[in-house]
Amino acid sequence: GRFTVSRDNAKNTVYLQMNSLKPEDTV
């Protein structure tokens, strides 16, 4: 519900969109 993973194979790239970040996401 906060993070979204996606990929663009044409660009050889994977993304992780991180929203509503919390201090415990600090890694």
PDB file of all heavy atoms in Angstrom:
ATOM      1  N   GLY A   1       0.789  -1.215   0.000  1.00  0.00           N
ATOM      2  CA  GLY A   1       0.000   0.000   0.000  1.00  0.00           C
ATOM      3  C   GLY A   1       0.822   1.266   0.000  1.00  0.00           C
ATOM      4  O   GLY A   1       0.292   2.343  -0.288  1.00  0.00           O
ATOM      5  N   ARG A   2       2.099   1.167   0.314  1.00  0.00           N
ATOM      6  CA  ARG A   2       2.999   2.314   0.316  1.00  0.00           C
ATOM      7  C   ARG A   2       4.033   2.250  -0.798  1.00  0.00           C
ATOM      8  O   ARG A   2       4.395   3.270  -1.368  1.00  0.00           O
ATOM      9  CB  ARG A   2       3.721   2.428   1.659  1.00  0.00           C
ATOM     10  CG  ARG A   2       2.802   2.591   2.854  1.00  0.00           C
ATOM     11  CD  ARG A   2       3.588   2.910   4.117  1.00  0.00           C
ATOM     12  NE  ARG A   2       4.510   1.830   4.476  1.00  0.00           N
ATOM     13  CZ  ARG A   2       5.831   1.978   4.600  1.00  0.00           C
ATOM     14  NH1 ARG A   2       6.395   3.156   4.386  1.00  0.00           N
ATOM     15  NH2 ARG A   2       6.596   0.944   4.946  1.00  0.00           N
ATOM     16  N   PHE A   3       4.513   1.052  -1.089  1.00  0.00           N
ATOM     17  CA  PHE A   3       5.546   0.861  -2.105  1.00  0.00           C
ATOM     18  C   PHE A   3       4.929   0.251  -3.357  1.00  0.00           C
ATOM     19  O   PHE A   3       3.993  -0.549  -3.280  1.00  0.00           O
ATOM     20  CB  PHE A   3       6.642  -0.070  -1.603  1.00  0.00           C
ATOM     21  CG  PHE A   3       7.511   0.486  -0.510  1.00  0.00           C
ATOM     22  CD1 PHE A   3       7.210   1.666   0.140  1.00  0.00           C
ATOM     23  CD2 PHE A   3       8.654  -0.203  -0.134  1.00  0.00           C
ATOM     24  CE1 PHE A   3       8.014   2.165   1.145  1.00  0.00           C
ATOM     25  CE2 PHE A   3       9.471   0.285   0.873  1.00  0.00           C
ATOM     26  CZ  PHE A   3       9.152   1.468   1.511  1.00  0.00           C
ATOM     27  N   THR A   4       5.485   0.599  -4.499  1.00  0.00           N
ATOM     28  CA  THR A   4       5.056   0.038  -5.766  1.00  0.00           C
ATOM     29  C   THR A   4       6.279  -0.351  -6.586  1.00  0.00           C
ATOM     30  O   THR A   4       7.145   0.488  -6.842  1.00  0.00           O
ATOM     31  CB  THR A   4       4.201   1.025  -6.569  1.00  0.00           C
ATOM     32  OG1 THR A   4       3.054   1.416  -5.805  1.00  0.00           O
ATOM     33  CG2 THR A   4       3.733   0.381  -7.873  1.00  0.00           C
ATOM     34  N   VAL A   5       6.337  -1.606  -6.995  1.00  0.00           N
ATOM     35  CA  VAL A   5       7.422  -2.067  -7.842  1.00  0.00           C
ATOM     36  C   VAL A   5       6.934  -2.111  -9.283  1.00  0.00           C
ATOM     37  O   VAL A   5       5.787  -2.488  -9.549  1.00  0.00           O
ATOM     38  CB  VAL A   5       7.950  -3.444  -7.378  1.00  0.00           C
ATOM     39  CG1 VAL A   5       6.877  -4.519  -7.510  1.00  0.00           C
ATOM     40  CG2 VAL A   5       9.205  -3.822  -8.146  1.00  0.00           C
ATOM     41  N   SER A   6       7.784  -1.711 -10.193  1.00  0.00           N
ATOM     42  CA  SER A   6       7.443  -1.733 -11.604  1.00  0.00           C
ATOM     43  C   SER A   6       8.706  -1.983 -12.411  1.00  0.00           C
ATOM     44  O   SER A   6       9.818  -1.911 -11.880  1.00  0.00           O
ATOM     45  CB  SER A   6       6.770  -0.424 -12.038  1.00  0.00           C
ATOM     46  OG  SER A   6       7.635   0.681 -11.849  1.00  0.00           O
ATOM     47  N   ARG A   7       8.530  -2.284 -13.681  1.00  0.00           N
ATOM     48  CA  ARG A   7       9.696  -2.496 -14.524  1.00  0.00           C
ATOM     49  C   ARG A   7       9.423  -1.997 -15.926  1.00  0.00           C
ATOM     50  O   ARG A   7       8.281  -1.969 -16.395  1.00  0.00           O
ATOM     51  CB  ARG A   7      10.104  -3.973 -14.552  1.00  0.00           C
ATOM     52  CG  ARG A   7       9.123  -4.898 -15.248  1.00  0.00           C
ATOM     53  CD  ARG A   7       9.480  -6.361 -15.010  1.00  0.00           C
ATOM     54  NE  ARG A   7      10.774  -6.714 -15.586  1.00  0.00           N
ATOM     55  CZ  ARG A   7      11.486  -7.785 -15.229  1.00  0.00           C
ATOM     56  NH1 ARG A   7      11.031  -8.602 -14.281  1.00  0.00           N
ATOM     57  NH2 ARG A   7      12.652  -8.026 -15.821  1.00  0.00           N
ATOM     58  N   ASP A   8      10.486  -1.623 -16.582  1.00  0.00           N
ATOM     59  CA  ASP A   8      10.448  -1.217 -17.971  1.00  0.00           C
ATOM     60  C   ASP A   8      11.512  -2.036 -18.682  1.00  0.00           C
ATOM     61  O   ASP A   8      12.694  -1.703 -18.641  1.00  0.00           O
ATOM     62  CB  ASP A   8      10.703   0.276 -18.125  1.00  0.00           C
ATOM     63  CG  ASP A   8      10.514   0.766 -19.543  1.00  0.00           C
ATOM     64  OD1 ASP A   8      10.567  -0.049 -20.481  1.00  0.00           O
ATOM     65  OD2 ASP A   8      10.309   1.977 -19.725  1.00  0.00           O
ATOM     66  N   ASN A   9      11.092  -3.117 -19.300  1.00  0.00           N
ATOM     67  CA  ASN A   9      12.052  -4.019 -19.917  1.00  0.00           C
ATOM     68  C   ASN A   9      12.790  -3.367 -21.083  1.00  0.00           C
ATOM     69  O   ASN A   9      13.936  -3.719 -21.367  1.00  0.00           O
ATOM     70  CB  ASN A   9      11.354  -5.298 -20.380  1.00  0.00           C
ATOM     71  CG  ASN A   9      10.943  -6.186 -19.224  1.00  0.00           C
ATOM     72  OD1 ASN A   9      11.431  -6.030 -18.102  1.00  0.00           O
ATOM     73  ND2 ASN A   9      10.052  -7.123 -19.485  1.00  0.00           N
ATOM     74  N   ALA A  10      12.141  -2.437 -21.755  1.00  0.00           N
ATOM     75  CA  ALA A  10      12.801  -1.739 -22.849  1.00  0.00           C
ATOM     76  C   ALA A  10      13.970  -0.906 -22.355  1.00  0.00           C
ATOM     77  O   ALA A  10      14.924  -0.657 -23.100  1.00  0.00           O
ATOM     78  CB  ALA A  10      11.807  -0.849 -23.591  1.00  0.00           C
ATOM     79  N   LYS A  11      13.901  -0.455 -21.107  1.00  0.00           N
ATOM     80  CA  LYS A  11      14.969   0.330 -20.503  1.00  0.00           C
ATOM     81  C   LYS A  11      15.861  -0.489 -19.585  1.00  0.00           C
ATOM     82  O   LYS A  11      16.782   0.063 -18.969  1.00  0.00           O
ATOM     83  CB  LYS A  11      14.390   1.508 -19.726  1.00  0.00           C
ATOM     84  CG  LYS A  11      13.636   2.510 -20.578  1.00  0.00           C
ATOM     85  CD  LYS A  11      13.109   3.658 -19.736  1.00  0.00           C
ATOM     86  CE  LYS A  11      12.390   4.676 -20.587  1.00  0.00           C
ATOM     87  NZ  LYS A  11      11.862   5.796 -19.763  1.00  0.00           N
ATOM     88  N   ASN A  12      15.584  -1.775 -19.465  1.00  0.00           N
ATOM     89  CA  ASN A  12      16.353  -2.644 -18.574  1.00  0.00           C
ATOM     90  C   ASN A  12      16.412  -2.080 -17.158  1.00  0.00           C
ATOM     91  O   ASN A  12      17.465  -2.078 -16.511  1.00  0.00           O
ATOM     92  CB  ASN A  12      17.766  -2.852 -19.107  1.00  0.00           C
ATOM     93  CG  ASN A  12      17.823  -3.815 -20.273  1.00  0.00           C
ATOM     94  OD1 ASN A  12      16.808  -4.333 -20.728  1.00  0.00           O
ATOM     95  ND2 ASN A  12      19.025  -4.060 -20.773  1.00  0.00           N
ATOM     96  N   THR A  13      15.273  -1.627 -16.670  1.00  0.00           N
ATOM     97  CA  THR A  13      15.239  -0.945 -15.389  1.00  0.00           C
ATOM     98  C   THR A  13      14.041  -1.394 -14.561  1.00  0.00           C
ATOM     99  O   THR A  13      12.943  -1.579 -15.093  1.00  0.00           O
ATOM    100  CB  THR A  13      15.194   0.575 -15.572  1.00  0.00           C
ATOM    101  OG1 THR A  13      16.331   0.998 -16.332  1.00  0.00           O
ATOM    102  CG2 THR A  13      15.214   1.293 -14.226  1.00  0.00           C
ATOM    103  N   VAL A  14      14.269  -1.557 -13.275  1.00  0.00           N
ATOM    104  CA  VAL A  14      13.229  -1.852 -12.301  1.00  0.00           C
ATOM    105  C   VAL A  14      13.164  -0.689 -11.318  1.00  0.00           C
ATOM    106  O   VAL A  14      14.195  -0.109 -10.972  1.00  0.00           O
ATOM    107  CB  VAL A  14      13.508  -3.171 -11.566  1.00  0.00           C
ATOM    108  CG1 VAL A  14      12.473  -3.416 -10.476  1.00  0.00           C
ATOM    109  CG2 VAL A  14      13.519  -4.325 -12.545  1.00  0.00           C
ATOM    110  N   TYR A  15      11.968  -0.370 -10.873  1.00  0.00           N
ATOM    111  CA  TYR A  15      11.770   0.758  -9.979  1.00  0.00           C
ATOM    112  C   TYR A  15      11.080   0.314  -8.696  1.00  0.00           C
ATOM    113  O   TYR A  15      10.329  -0.651  -8.674  1.00  0.00           O
ATOM    114  CB  TYR A  15      10.908   1.835 -10.643  1.00  0.00           C
ATOM    115  CG  TYR A  15      11.424   2.297 -11.972  1.00  0.00           C
ATOM    116  CD1 TYR A  15      10.937   1.747 -13.149  1.00  0.00           C
ATOM    117  CD2 TYR A  15      12.406   3.287 -12.053  1.00  0.00           C
ATOM    118  CE1 TYR A  15      11.413   2.165 -14.381  1.00  0.00           C
ATOM    119  CE2 TYR A  15      12.881   3.709 -13.275  1.00  0.00           C
ATOM    120  CZ  TYR A  15      12.387   3.151 -14.434  1.00  0.00           C
ATOM    121  OH  TYR A  15      12.863   3.577 -15.649  1.00  0.00           O
ATOM    122  N   LEU A  16      11.336   1.053  -7.649  1.00  0.00           N
ATOM    123  CA  LEU A  16      10.590   0.905  -6.412  1.00  0.00           C
ATOM    124  C   LEU A  16      10.155   2.294  -5.973  1.00  0.00           C
ATOM    125  O   LEU A  16      10.972   3.077  -5.482  1.00  0.00           O
ATOM    126  CB  LEU A  16      11.417   0.233  -5.321  1.00  0.00           C
ATOM    127  CG  LEU A  16      10.666  -0.075  -4.026  1.00  0.00           C
ATOM    128  CD1 LEU A  16       9.592  -1.137  -4.272  1.00  0.00           C
ATOM    129  CD2 LEU A  16      11.626  -0.532  -2.932  1.00  0.00           C
ATOM    130  N   GLN A  17       8.892   2.592  -6.179  1.00  0.00           N
ATOM    131  CA  GLN A  17       8.329   3.852  -5.731  1.00  0.00           C
ATOM    132  C   GLN A  17       7.924   3.706  -4.275  1.00  0.00           C
ATOM    133  O   GLN A  17       7.098   2.857  -3.945  1.00  0.00           O
ATOM    134  CB  GLN A  17       7.124   4.239  -6.584  1.00  0.00           C
ATOM    135  CG  GLN A  17       6.443   5.534  -6.156  1.00  0.00           C
ATOM    136  CD  GLN A  17       7.314   6.743  -6.374  1.00  0.00           C
ATOM    137  OE1 GLN A  17       7.925   6.893  -7.426  1.00  0.00           O
ATOM    138  NE2 GLN A  17       7.385   7.616  -5.380  1.00  0.00           N
ATOM    139  N   MET A  18       8.485   4.527  -3.423  1.00  0.00           N
ATOM    140  CA  MET A  18       8.243   4.442  -1.997  1.00  0.00           C
ATOM    141  C   MET A  18       7.531   5.705  -1.536  1.00  0.00           C
ATOM    142  O   MET A  18       8.080   6.799  -1.616  1.00  0.00           O
ATOM    143  CB  MET A  18       9.554   4.256  -1.234  1.00  0.00           C
ATOM    144  CG  MET A  18      10.362   3.057  -1.699  1.00  0.00           C
ATOM    145  SD  MET A  18      11.860   2.786  -0.715  1.00  0.00           S
ATOM    146  CE  MET A  18      12.779   4.268  -1.157  1.00  0.00           C
ATOM    147  N   ASN A  19       6.321   5.542  -1.067  1.00  0.00           N
ATOM    148  CA  ASN A  19       5.522   6.647  -0.559  1.00  0.00           C
ATOM    149  C   ASN A  19       5.250   6.455   0.927  1.00  0.00           C
ATOM    150  O   ASN A  19       5.402   5.363   1.461  1.00  0.00           O
ATOM    151  CB  ASN A  19       4.198   6.748  -1.318  1.00  0.00           C
ATOM    152  CG  ASN A  19       4.379   6.997  -2.792  1.00  0.00           C
ATOM    153  OD1 ASN A  19       5.308   7.687  -3.217  1.00  0.00           O
ATOM    154  ND2 ASN A  19       3.472   6.449  -3.600  1.00  0.00           N
ATOM    155  N   SER A  20       4.825   7.521   1.565  1.00  0.00           N
ATOM    156  CA  SER A  20       4.500   7.477   2.999  1.00  0.00           C
ATOM    157  C   SER A  20       5.617   6.829   3.796  1.00  0.00           C
ATOM    158  O   SER A  20       5.393   5.944   4.627  1.00  0.00           O
ATOM    159  CB  SER A  20       3.177   6.738   3.216  1.00  0.00           C
ATOM    160  OG  SER A  20       2.121   7.372   2.521  1.00  0.00           O
ATOM    161  N   LEU A  21       6.820   7.266   3.545  1.00  0.00           N
ATOM    162  CA  LEU A  21       7.983   6.645   4.171  1.00  0.00           C
ATOM    163  C   LEU A  21       7.982   6.848   5.681  1.00  0.00           C
ATOM    164  O   LEU A  21       7.557   7.887   6.189  1.00  0.00           O
ATOM    165  CB  LEU A  21       9.260   7.197   3.559  1.00  0.00           C
ATOM    166  CG  LEU A  21       9.592   6.631   2.175  1.00  0.00           C
ATOM    167  CD1 LEU A  21      10.609   7.497   1.462  1.00  0.00           C
ATOM    168  CD2 LEU A  21      10.103   5.196   2.306  1.00  0.00           C
ATOM    169  N   LYS A  22       8.476   5.840   6.358  1.00  0.00           N
ATOM    170  CA  LYS A  22       8.551   5.826   7.806  1.00  0.00           C
ATOM    171  C   LYS A  22      10.004   5.682   8.241  1.00  0.00           C
ATOM    172  O   LYS A  22      10.826   5.158   7.497  1.00  0.00           O
ATOM    173  CB  LYS A  22       7.737   4.658   8.373  1.00  0.00           C
ATOM    174  CG  LYS A  22       6.288   4.628   7.938  1.00  0.00           C
ATOM    175  CD  LYS A  22       5.597   3.371   8.442  1.00  0.00           C
ATOM    176  CE  LYS A  22       4.150   3.318   8.003  1.00  0.00           C
ATOM    177  NZ  LYS A  22       3.476   2.083   8.483  1.00  0.00           N
ATOM    178  N   PRO A  23      10.333   6.118   9.450  1.00  0.00           N
ATOM    179  CA  PRO A  23      11.718   5.951   9.924  1.00  0.00           C
ATOM    180  C   PRO A  23      12.202   4.509   9.870  1.00  0.00           C
ATOM    181  O   PRO A  23      13.391   4.279   9.635  1.00  0.00           O
ATOM    182  CB  PRO A  23      11.651   6.465  11.367  1.00  0.00           C
ATOM    183  CG  PRO A  23      10.563   7.482  11.337  1.00  0.00           C
ATOM    184  CD  PRO A  23       9.528   6.917  10.386  1.00  0.00           C
ATOM    185  N   GLU A  24      11.322   3.549  10.057  1.00  0.00           N
ATOM    186  CA  GLU A  24      11.721   2.156   9.998  1.00  0.00           C
ATOM    187  C   GLU A  24      12.078   1.687   8.597  1.00  0.00           C
ATOM    188  O   GLU A  24      12.596   0.581   8.419  1.00  0.00           O
ATOM    189  CB  GLU A  24      10.636   1.244  10.591  1.00  0.00           C
ATOM    190  CG  GLU A  24       9.248   1.544  10.077  1.00  0.00           C
ATOM    191  CD  GLU A  24       8.457   2.441  11.015  1.00  0.00           C
ATOM    192  OE1 GLU A  24       9.004   3.462  11.463  1.00  0.00           O
ATOM    193  OE2 GLU A  24       7.287   2.109  11.302  1.00  0.00           O
ATOM    194  N   ASP A  25      11.819   2.512   7.587  1.00  0.00           N
ATOM    195  CA  ASP A  25      12.249   2.213   6.229  1.00  0.00           C
ATOM    196  C   ASP A  25      13.706   2.602   5.998  1.00  0.00           C
ATOM    197  O   ASP A  25      14.215   2.419   4.880  1.00  0.00           O
ATOM    198  CB  ASP A  25      11.375   2.948   5.211  1.00  0.00           C
ATOM    199  CG  ASP A  25       9.912   2.536   5.280  1.00  0.00           C
ATOM    200  OD1 ASP A  25       9.640   1.329   5.459  1.00  0.00           O
ATOM    201  OD2 ASP A  25       9.048   3.419   5.149  1.00  0.00           O
ATOM    202  N   THR A  26      14.360   3.121   7.009  1.00  0.00           N
ATOM    203  CA  THR A  26      15.742   3.573   6.901  1.00  0.00           C
ATOM    204  C   THR A  26      16.694   2.380   6.936  1.00  0.00           C
ATOM    205  O   THR A  26      17.056   1.885   8.005  1.00  0.00           O
ATOM    206  CB  THR A  26      16.076   4.550   8.034  1.00  0.00           C
ATOM    207  OG1 THR A  26      15.241   5.702   7.936  1.00  0.00           O
ATOM    208  CG2 THR A  26      17.531   4.985   7.950  1.00  0.00           C
ATOM    209  N   VAL A  27      17.063   1.942   5.758  1.00  0.00           N
ATOM    210  CA  VAL A  27      17.960   0.807   5.581  1.00  0.00           C
ATOM    211  C   VAL A  27      18.609   0.941   4.213  1.00  0.00           C
ATOM    212  O   VAL A  27      18.288   1.830   3.437  1.00  0.00           O
ATOM    213  CB  VAL A  27      17.227  -0.555   5.667  1.00  0.00           C
ATOM    214  CG1 VAL A  27      16.731  -0.832   7.078  1.00  0.00           C
ATOM    215  CG2 VAL A  27      16.066  -0.592   4.679  1.00  0.00           C
TER     216      VAL A  27
END
